[in-house]
N, C-alpha and C. Protein backbone atom coordinates (compact mmCIF):
# COMPACT_ATOMS: atom_id res chain seq x y z
N UNK A 1 16.73 -13.60 23.88
CA UNK A 1 16.15 -12.60 23.51
C UNK A 1 15.73 -12.26 22.06
N UNK A 2 16.31 -12.98 21.17
CA UNK A 2 15.85 -13.02 19.93
C UNK A 2 14.17 -13.19 20.05
N UNK A 3 14.07 -14.36 20.78
CA UNK A 3 12.59 -15.16 20.54
C UNK A 3 12.07 -13.98 21.31
N UNK A 4 11.89 -13.62 21.94
CA UNK A 4 10.85 -12.18 22.70
C UNK A 4 10.76 -11.21 21.73
N UNK A 5 11.82 -10.69 21.25
CA UNK A 5 11.53 -9.62 20.15
C UNK A 5 10.49 -9.97 19.29
N UNK A 6 10.98 -11.26 18.97
CA UNK A 6 9.50 -12.04 17.56
C UNK A 6 8.46 -11.78 17.90
N UNK A 7 8.35 -12.28 19.29
CA UNK A 7 6.81 -12.45 19.70
C UNK A 7 6.40 -11.14 20.09
N UNK A 8 7.00 -10.11 20.13
CA UNK A 8 6.56 -8.82 20.45
C UNK A 8 6.20 -8.22 19.15
N UNK A 9 6.74 -8.32 18.09
CA UNK A 9 6.32 -7.98 16.53
C UNK A 9 5.25 -8.91 16.43
N UNK A 10 4.80 -10.26 16.52
CA UNK A 10 3.99 -10.62 16.04
C UNK A 10 2.70 -10.41 17.23
N UNK A 11 2.48 -9.90 18.07
CA UNK A 11 1.73 -9.49 19.30
C UNK A 11 1.13 -7.93 18.02
N UNK A 12 2.53 -7.19 17.48
CA UNK A 12 2.15 -5.76 17.53
C UNK A 12 1.40 -6.11 15.93
N UNK A 13 1.67 -7.22 15.26
CA UNK A 13 1.09 -7.48 13.75
C UNK A 13 -0.45 -8.06 13.88
N UNK A 14 -0.17 -8.65 15.23
CA UNK A 14 -1.97 -9.40 15.10
C UNK A 14 -2.99 -8.06 15.85
N UNK A 15 -2.31 -7.29 16.32
CA UNK A 15 -3.34 -5.98 16.73
C UNK A 15 -3.74 -4.76 15.67
N UNK A 16 -2.43 -5.05 15.12
CA UNK A 16 -2.49 -4.14 13.89
C UNK A 16 -3.65 -4.19 12.67
N UNK A 17 -4.56 -3.50 12.49
CA UNK A 17 -5.57 -3.65 11.56
C UNK A 17 -5.26 -3.33 10.01
N UNK A 18 -6.01 -4.08 9.67
CA UNK A 18 -5.35 -3.67 7.66
C UNK A 18 -6.67 -3.80 7.41
N UNK A 19 -6.68 -2.48 6.48
CA UNK A 19 -7.53 -2.34 5.94
C UNK A 19 -7.52 -2.05 4.22
N UNK A 20 -8.69 -3.26 3.85
CA UNK A 20 -8.96 -4.18 3.15
C UNK A 20 -9.30 -2.84 1.55
N UNK A 21 -9.38 -1.98 2.04
CA UNK A 21 -9.75 -1.00 1.26
C UNK A 21 -8.77 -0.27 0.42
N UNK A 22 -7.33 -0.33 1.22
CA UNK A 22 -5.82 0.20 0.64
C UNK A 22 -5.37 -0.86 0.22
N UNK A 23 -5.99 -2.02 -1.03
CA UNK A 23 -5.09 -3.00 -1.61
C UNK A 23 -3.77 -2.51 -2.14
N UNK A 24 -2.77 -2.79 -1.09
CA UNK A 24 -1.19 -2.98 -1.82
C UNK A 24 -0.40 -1.46 -1.60
N UNK A 25 -1.48 -0.84 -0.36
CA UNK A 25 -0.69 0.26 -0.03
C UNK A 25 -0.96 0.48 1.79
N UNK A 26 -1.56 -0.61 2.25
CA UNK A 26 -1.91 -0.98 3.63
C UNK A 26 -0.69 -0.89 4.21
N UNK A 27 -0.89 0.01 5.41
CA UNK A 27 0.41 0.14 6.63
C UNK A 27 0.31 -1.14 7.12
N UNK A 28 -0.79 -1.85 8.17
CA UNK A 28 -0.85 -2.85 8.67
C UNK A 28 -0.06 -4.11 7.35
N UNK A 29 -0.78 -4.31 6.11
CA UNK A 29 -0.06 -5.53 5.64
C UNK A 29 1.31 -5.13 5.58
N UNK A 30 2.09 -3.86 4.72
CA UNK A 30 3.20 -3.84 4.91
C UNK A 30 4.08 -3.93 6.30
N UNK A 31 3.46 -3.82 7.35
CA UNK A 31 4.07 -4.24 8.46
C UNK A 31 4.73 -5.84 8.66
N UNK A 32 3.27 -6.76 8.39
CA UNK A 32 3.45 -8.23 8.36
C UNK A 32 4.83 -8.65 7.44
N UNK A 33 4.47 -7.59 6.44
CA UNK A 33 5.47 -7.99 5.22
C UNK A 33 7.08 -8.07 5.37
N UNK A 34 7.17 -6.73 6.18
CA UNK A 34 8.34 -6.25 6.84
C UNK A 34 9.05 -7.48 8.37
N UNK A 35 8.17 -7.70 8.81
CA UNK A 35 8.37 -8.40 9.85
C UNK A 35 8.82 -9.95 9.45
N UNK A 36 7.99 -10.48 8.34
CA UNK A 36 8.51 -11.65 8.46
C UNK A 36 9.40 -12.14 7.29
N UNK A 37 9.99 -10.45 6.78
CA UNK A 37 11.01 -10.76 5.97
C UNK A 37 12.61 -10.85 7.03
N UNK A 38 11.81 -9.83 8.00
CA UNK A 38 13.27 -9.84 9.33
C UNK A 38 13.57 -11.15 9.88
N UNK A 39 12.14 -12.00 10.31
CA UNK A 39 12.52 -12.40 11.17
C UNK A 39 11.82 -13.72 9.96
N UNK A 40 12.93 -14.42 9.36
CA UNK A 40 12.86 -15.42 8.50
C UNK A 40 13.17 -16.65 9.09
N UNK A 41 13.62 -16.76 9.86
CA UNK A 41 13.95 -18.09 10.80
C UNK A 41 12.70 -18.40 12.02
N UNK A 42 12.20 -17.32 12.63
CA UNK A 42 11.01 -17.30 13.41
C UNK A 42 11.89 -16.55 14.41
N UNK A 43 12.31 -17.75 15.48
CA UNK A 43 12.49 -17.20 17.06
C UNK A 43 13.91 -17.43 17.09
N UNK A 44 14.62 -18.18 15.91
CA UNK A 44 16.27 -18.22 15.82
C UNK A 44 17.03 -17.19 15.10
N UNK A 45 16.48 -16.15 14.10
CA UNK A 45 16.70 -15.47 13.96
C UNK A 45 17.66 -14.32 15.10
N UNK A 46 19.04 -13.68 14.16
CA UNK A 46 19.91 -13.00 15.32
C UNK A 46 19.77 -11.47 14.43
N UNK A 47 19.72 -11.14 15.20
CA UNK A 47 19.35 -9.35 15.29
C UNK A 47 20.89 -8.86 15.44
N UNK A 48 21.20 -8.43 14.01
CA UNK A 48 22.36 -7.87 13.66
C UNK A 48 22.51 -6.73 14.96
N UNK A 49 21.37 -5.49 14.94
CA UNK A 49 21.16 -4.19 15.91
C UNK A 49 20.13 -4.51 16.70
N UNK A 50 20.30 -5.18 17.92
CA UNK A 50 19.43 -5.16 18.41
C UNK A 50 19.01 -4.15 19.37
N UNK A 51 19.67 -2.84 19.16
CA UNK A 51 19.14 -1.52 19.81
C UNK A 51 18.24 -0.70 18.76
N UNK A 52 18.52 -1.16 17.24
CA UNK A 52 17.73 -0.80 16.30
C UNK A 52 16.25 -1.36 16.23
N UNK A 53 16.53 -2.69 16.95
CA UNK A 53 15.29 -3.35 16.33
C UNK A 53 14.11 -2.73 17.48
N UNK A 54 14.94 -2.90 18.76
CA UNK A 54 13.90 -2.57 19.93
C UNK A 54 13.24 -0.52 19.58
N UNK A 55 13.86 -0.08 19.13
CA UNK A 55 13.67 1.42 18.92
C UNK A 55 12.64 1.41 17.73
N UNK A 56 12.61 0.47 16.70
CA UNK A 56 11.81 0.42 15.86
C UNK A 56 10.51 -0.16 16.23
N UNK A 57 10.38 -1.11 17.24
CA UNK A 57 9.24 -1.73 17.77
C UNK A 57 8.54 -0.47 18.62
N UNK A 58 9.41 -0.09 19.37
CA UNK A 58 8.66 0.81 20.50
C UNK A 58 8.34 2.46 19.44
N UNK A 59 8.67 2.56 18.43
CA UNK A 59 8.14 3.42 17.28
C UNK A 59 6.67 3.07 16.80
N UNK A 60 6.65 1.90 16.25
CA UNK A 60 5.52 1.36 16.08
C UNK A 60 4.36 0.94 17.09
N UNK A 61 4.77 0.71 18.27
CA UNK A 61 3.70 0.62 19.44
C UNK A 61 3.15 2.23 19.55
N UNK A 62 3.93 3.06 19.51
CA UNK A 62 3.43 4.44 19.65
C UNK A 62 2.12 4.70 19.09
N UNK A 63 2.62 4.26 17.77
CA UNK A 63 1.95 4.95 16.78
C UNK A 63 0.55 3.67 16.67
N UNK A 64 0.64 2.86 17.64
CA UNK A 64 -0.56 1.98 17.38
C UNK A 64 -1.57 2.18 18.30
N UNK A 65 -1.01 2.72 19.44
CA UNK A 65 -1.58 2.76 20.53
C UNK A 65 -1.94 4.80 20.84
N UNK A 66 -1.88 5.48 19.24
CA UNK A 66 -2.30 6.59 19.17
C UNK A 66 -1.79 7.44 20.44
N UNK A 67 -0.59 7.12 20.83
CA UNK A 67 0.26 7.48 21.58
C UNK A 67 0.12 9.28 21.38
N UNK A 68 0.66 9.61 19.97
CA UNK A 68 0.99 11.23 19.89
C UNK A 68 -0.48 11.85 19.13
N UNK A 69 -1.88 11.17 18.91
CA UNK A 69 -2.99 11.20 19.19
C UNK A 69 -3.11 12.04 20.48
N UNK A 70 -3.48 11.58 21.44
CA UNK A 70 -3.52 11.85 22.88
C UNK A 70 -2.35 12.79 23.42
N UNK A 71 -1.42 12.74 22.74
CA UNK A 71 -0.36 13.61 23.56
C UNK A 71 -0.46 14.99 23.07
N UNK A 72 -1.13 14.91 21.67
CA UNK A 72 -1.19 16.47 21.10
C UNK A 72 -2.93 16.01 20.71
N UNK A 73 -3.71 16.30 21.26
CA UNK A 73 -5.19 16.22 20.97
C UNK A 73 -5.35 17.68 20.07
N UNK A 74 -6.11 17.09 19.06
CA UNK A 74 -6.79 18.08 18.20
C UNK A 74 -8.38 18.73 18.30
N UNK A 75 -8.58 20.21 18.22
CA UNK A 75 -9.26 20.73 18.78
C UNK A 75 -10.67 20.05 17.83
N UNK A 76 -10.48 19.63 16.99
CA UNK A 76 -11.55 19.45 16.12
C UNK A 76 -11.32 17.56 15.04
N UNK A 77 -11.93 17.21 14.80
CA UNK A 77 -11.92 16.04 14.06
C UNK A 77 -11.63 16.35 12.34
N UNK A 78 -11.76 18.21 11.74
CA UNK A 78 -12.08 17.90 10.47
C UNK A 78 -10.57 18.42 9.99
N UNK A 79 -10.65 19.02 8.37
CA UNK A 79 -9.20 19.41 8.57
C UNK A 79 -8.95 20.71 7.95
N UNK A 80 -8.61 21.22 6.98
CA UNK A 80 -8.99 22.41 6.28
C UNK A 80 -10.23 22.55 5.57
N UNK A 81 -10.08 20.79 4.57
CA UNK A 81 -11.86 20.64 3.81
C UNK A 81 -12.41 20.75 4.41
N UNK A 82 -12.98 20.07 5.51
CA UNK A 82 -13.82 20.08 6.14
C UNK A 82 -14.72 18.77 5.99
N UNK A 83 -14.15 17.95 5.48
CA UNK A 83 -14.38 16.56 5.06
C UNK A 83 -14.38 15.62 6.24
N UNK A 84 -15.36 14.77 7.08
CA UNK A 84 -14.47 13.84 7.99
C UNK A 84 -13.84 12.80 7.57
N UNK A 85 -13.55 12.07 8.75
CA UNK A 85 -12.60 11.22 8.65
C UNK A 85 -13.45 9.88 7.66
N UNK A 86 -14.42 9.19 7.70
CA UNK A 86 -15.17 8.45 7.07
C UNK A 86 -15.16 9.19 5.45
N UNK A 87 -15.68 10.20 4.99
CA UNK A 87 -15.08 10.98 3.99
C UNK A 87 -13.96 10.75 3.16
N UNK A 88 -12.60 10.98 4.25
CA UNK A 88 -11.39 10.52 3.81
C UNK A 88 -11.11 9.36 3.23
N UNK A 89 -11.64 8.56 4.39
CA UNK A 89 -11.50 6.76 3.79
C UNK A 89 -11.70 6.90 2.75
N UNK A 90 -12.97 7.06 2.09
CA UNK A 90 -13.42 6.67 0.59
C UNK A 90 -12.97 7.04 -0.18
N UNK A 91 -12.10 8.81 0.23
CA UNK A 91 -11.76 9.10 -1.19
C UNK A 91 -10.32 8.81 -1.52
N UNK A 92 -9.94 7.73 0.04
CA UNK A 92 -8.33 7.56 -0.68
C UNK A 92 -8.76 5.94 -0.69
N UNK A 93 -9.39 5.20 -0.73
CA UNK A 93 -9.76 3.40 -0.63
C UNK A 93 -8.73 3.59 -2.07
N UNK A 94 -8.16 2.51 -2.74
CA UNK A 94 -7.88 1.91 -4.04
C UNK A 94 -8.63 2.33 -4.73
N UNK A 95 -10.14 1.68 -4.68
CA UNK A 95 -11.28 1.47 -5.92
C UNK A 95 -11.32 3.40 -6.42
N UNK A 96 -11.36 4.05 -5.36
CA UNK A 96 -11.72 5.37 -5.50
C UNK A 96 -10.65 6.21 -6.22
N UNK A 97 -9.43 5.45 -5.96
CA UNK A 97 -8.11 6.37 -6.50
C UNK A 97 -7.93 6.11 -7.95
N UNK A 98 -8.49 4.70 -8.35
CA UNK A 98 -8.53 3.93 -9.97
C UNK A 98 -9.17 4.88 -10.37
N UNK A 99 -10.80 5.03 -9.93
CA UNK A 99 -11.89 5.55 -10.72
C UNK A 99 -11.25 6.87 -10.70
N UNK A 100 -10.72 7.56 -10.27
CA UNK A 100 -10.35 8.72 -10.24
C UNK A 100 -9.20 9.11 -11.27
N UNK A 101 -8.12 7.96 -11.78
CA UNK A 101 -6.92 7.92 -12.71
C UNK A 101 -7.69 7.58 -13.61
N UNK A 102 -8.70 6.76 -13.90
CA UNK A 102 -9.39 6.80 -15.00
C UNK A 102 -10.00 7.86 -15.92
N UNK A 103 -10.60 8.79 -14.92
CA UNK A 103 -11.11 9.77 -15.35
C UNK A 103 -10.05 10.66 -15.78
N UNK A 104 -9.16 10.76 -15.20
CA UNK A 104 -8.11 11.94 -16.07
C UNK A 104 -7.36 11.59 -17.20
N UNK A 105 -7.12 10.35 -17.61
CA UNK A 105 -7.15 10.00 -18.69
C UNK A 105 -7.54 10.41 -20.02
N UNK A 106 -6.61 10.47 -21.07
CA UNK A 106 -7.02 11.54 -22.32
C UNK A 106 -7.63 10.43 -22.92
N UNK A 107 -8.65 11.05 -24.15
CA UNK A 107 -9.64 10.24 -24.55
C UNK A 107 -8.56 8.95 -25.79
N UNK A 108 -7.87 10.21 -26.19
CA UNK A 108 -6.09 9.14 -27.07
C UNK A 108 -5.89 7.57 -26.26
N UNK A 109 -5.84 7.85 -24.93
CA UNK A 109 -5.51 7.03 -24.47
C UNK A 109 -6.22 5.94 -23.97
N UNK A 110 -7.58 6.19 -23.86
CA UNK A 110 -8.91 5.28 -23.22
C UNK A 110 -9.28 4.80 -24.57
N UNK A 111 -9.32 5.03 -25.68
CA UNK A 111 -9.32 4.71 -27.16
C UNK A 111 -8.22 3.80 -27.68
N UNK A 112 -6.61 3.99 -26.87
CA UNK A 112 -5.57 3.24 -27.08
C UNK A 112 -5.64 1.97 -26.20
N UNK A 113 -6.20 2.10 -25.53
CA UNK A 113 -6.35 0.74 -24.57
C UNK A 113 -7.66 -0.14 -24.34
N UNK A 114 -8.49 0.76 -25.23
CA UNK A 114 -9.68 -0.37 -25.16
C UNK A 114 -9.47 -1.14 -26.87
N UNK A 115 -8.40 -0.57 -27.50
CA UNK A 115 -8.42 -1.46 -28.98
C UNK A 115 -6.96 -1.79 -29.02
N UNK A 116 -6.11 -2.11 -27.81
CA UNK A 116 -5.14 -2.82 -27.91
C UNK A 116 -5.15 -3.89 -27.73
N UNK A 117 -4.28 -4.78 -28.46
CA UNK A 117 -4.37 -6.06 -28.43
C UNK A 117 -4.00 -6.52 -27.01
N UNK A 118 -4.05 -7.94 -26.74
CA UNK A 118 -3.71 -8.12 -25.35
C UNK A 118 -2.39 -8.89 -25.06
N UNK A 119 -2.57 -10.00 -26.22
CA UNK A 119 -0.92 -10.59 -26.06
C UNK A 119 0.07 -10.26 -27.36
N UNK A 120 0.96 -10.36 -26.98
CA UNK A 120 2.51 -9.80 -27.36
C UNK A 120 2.24 -10.32 -29.01
N UNK A 121 2.08 -11.42 -29.31
CA UNK A 121 1.84 -11.56 -30.73
C UNK A 121 0.90 -11.00 -31.23
N UNK A 122 -0.38 -10.72 -30.90
CA UNK A 122 -1.24 -9.86 -31.71
C UNK A 122 -0.67 -9.06 -31.84
N UNK A 123 0.02 -8.08 -31.00
CA UNK A 123 0.86 -6.61 -31.49
C UNK A 123 1.60 -6.84 -32.76
N UNK A 124 2.12 -7.67 -32.73
CA UNK A 124 3.13 -8.21 -33.60
C UNK A 124 2.20 -8.34 -34.88
N UNK A 125 1.37 -9.02 -35.08
CA UNK A 125 0.26 -8.91 -36.51
C UNK A 125 -0.09 -8.16 -37.05
N UNK A 126 -0.66 -7.27 -36.16
CA UNK A 126 -1.02 -5.78 -35.92
C UNK A 126 -0.15 -4.83 -36.61
N UNK A 127 1.05 -4.49 -36.19
CA UNK A 127 2.23 -4.06 -37.10
C UNK A 127 2.61 -5.07 -38.41
N UNK A 128 2.48 -6.24 -38.52
CA UNK A 128 2.74 -6.30 -39.49
C UNK A 128 1.85 -5.84 -40.46
N UNK A 129 0.35 -6.33 -40.12
CA UNK A 129 -0.90 -5.90 -41.18
C UNK A 129 -0.58 -4.21 -41.21
N UNK A 130 0.10 -3.80 -40.49
CA UNK A 130 -0.11 -2.00 -40.86
C UNK A 130 0.93 -1.63 -41.80
N UNK A 131 2.10 -2.39 -41.81
CA UNK A 131 3.29 -1.96 -42.69
C UNK A 131 2.96 -2.10 -43.95
N UNK A 132 2.11 -3.85 -44.20
CA UNK A 132 2.21 -4.11 -45.54
C UNK A 132 1.26 -3.50 -46.17
N UNK A 133 0.29 -2.63 -45.64
CA UNK A 133 -0.68 -2.06 -46.49
C UNK A 133 -0.52 -1.24 -47.74
N UNK A 134 -0.82 -1.00 -48.45
CA UNK A 134 0.11 -0.08 -49.57
C UNK A 134 -0.33 1.18 -49.23
N UNK A 135 0.02 2.21 -49.18
CA UNK A 135 -0.43 3.82 -49.02
C UNK A 135 -1.12 4.14 -49.90
N UNK A 136 -1.96 4.91 -49.30
CA UNK A 136 -2.81 5.64 -50.96
C UNK A 136 -2.92 7.23 -50.51
């Protein structure tokens, strides 16, 4: 029975798309990682709670098949902001979020990062130089 569950999860992982614009935050990539952790021994993995495993699979399968999107259709494909799905995808991409974070940094933080040494031994040398200078 564990082999059947394993194959079902593998099939779901194959069908679930991976969004490359959301590096480190994609649900498809996370799902693949969790299935690999849960089924370390492949088809020979012993499942402690088979009912919970089946329930998890059914929930993920409903999400993947857009069950709730069809059950509760929306009158329009926009939200309160009026943006389209493509615009939201662009805004929520990892690159765009990184750019927004960079814009929100203070000038002082940007200068610190620009002139900060990259290696730990350089940091110690800078501190030693700063402390050994006579105060004027």
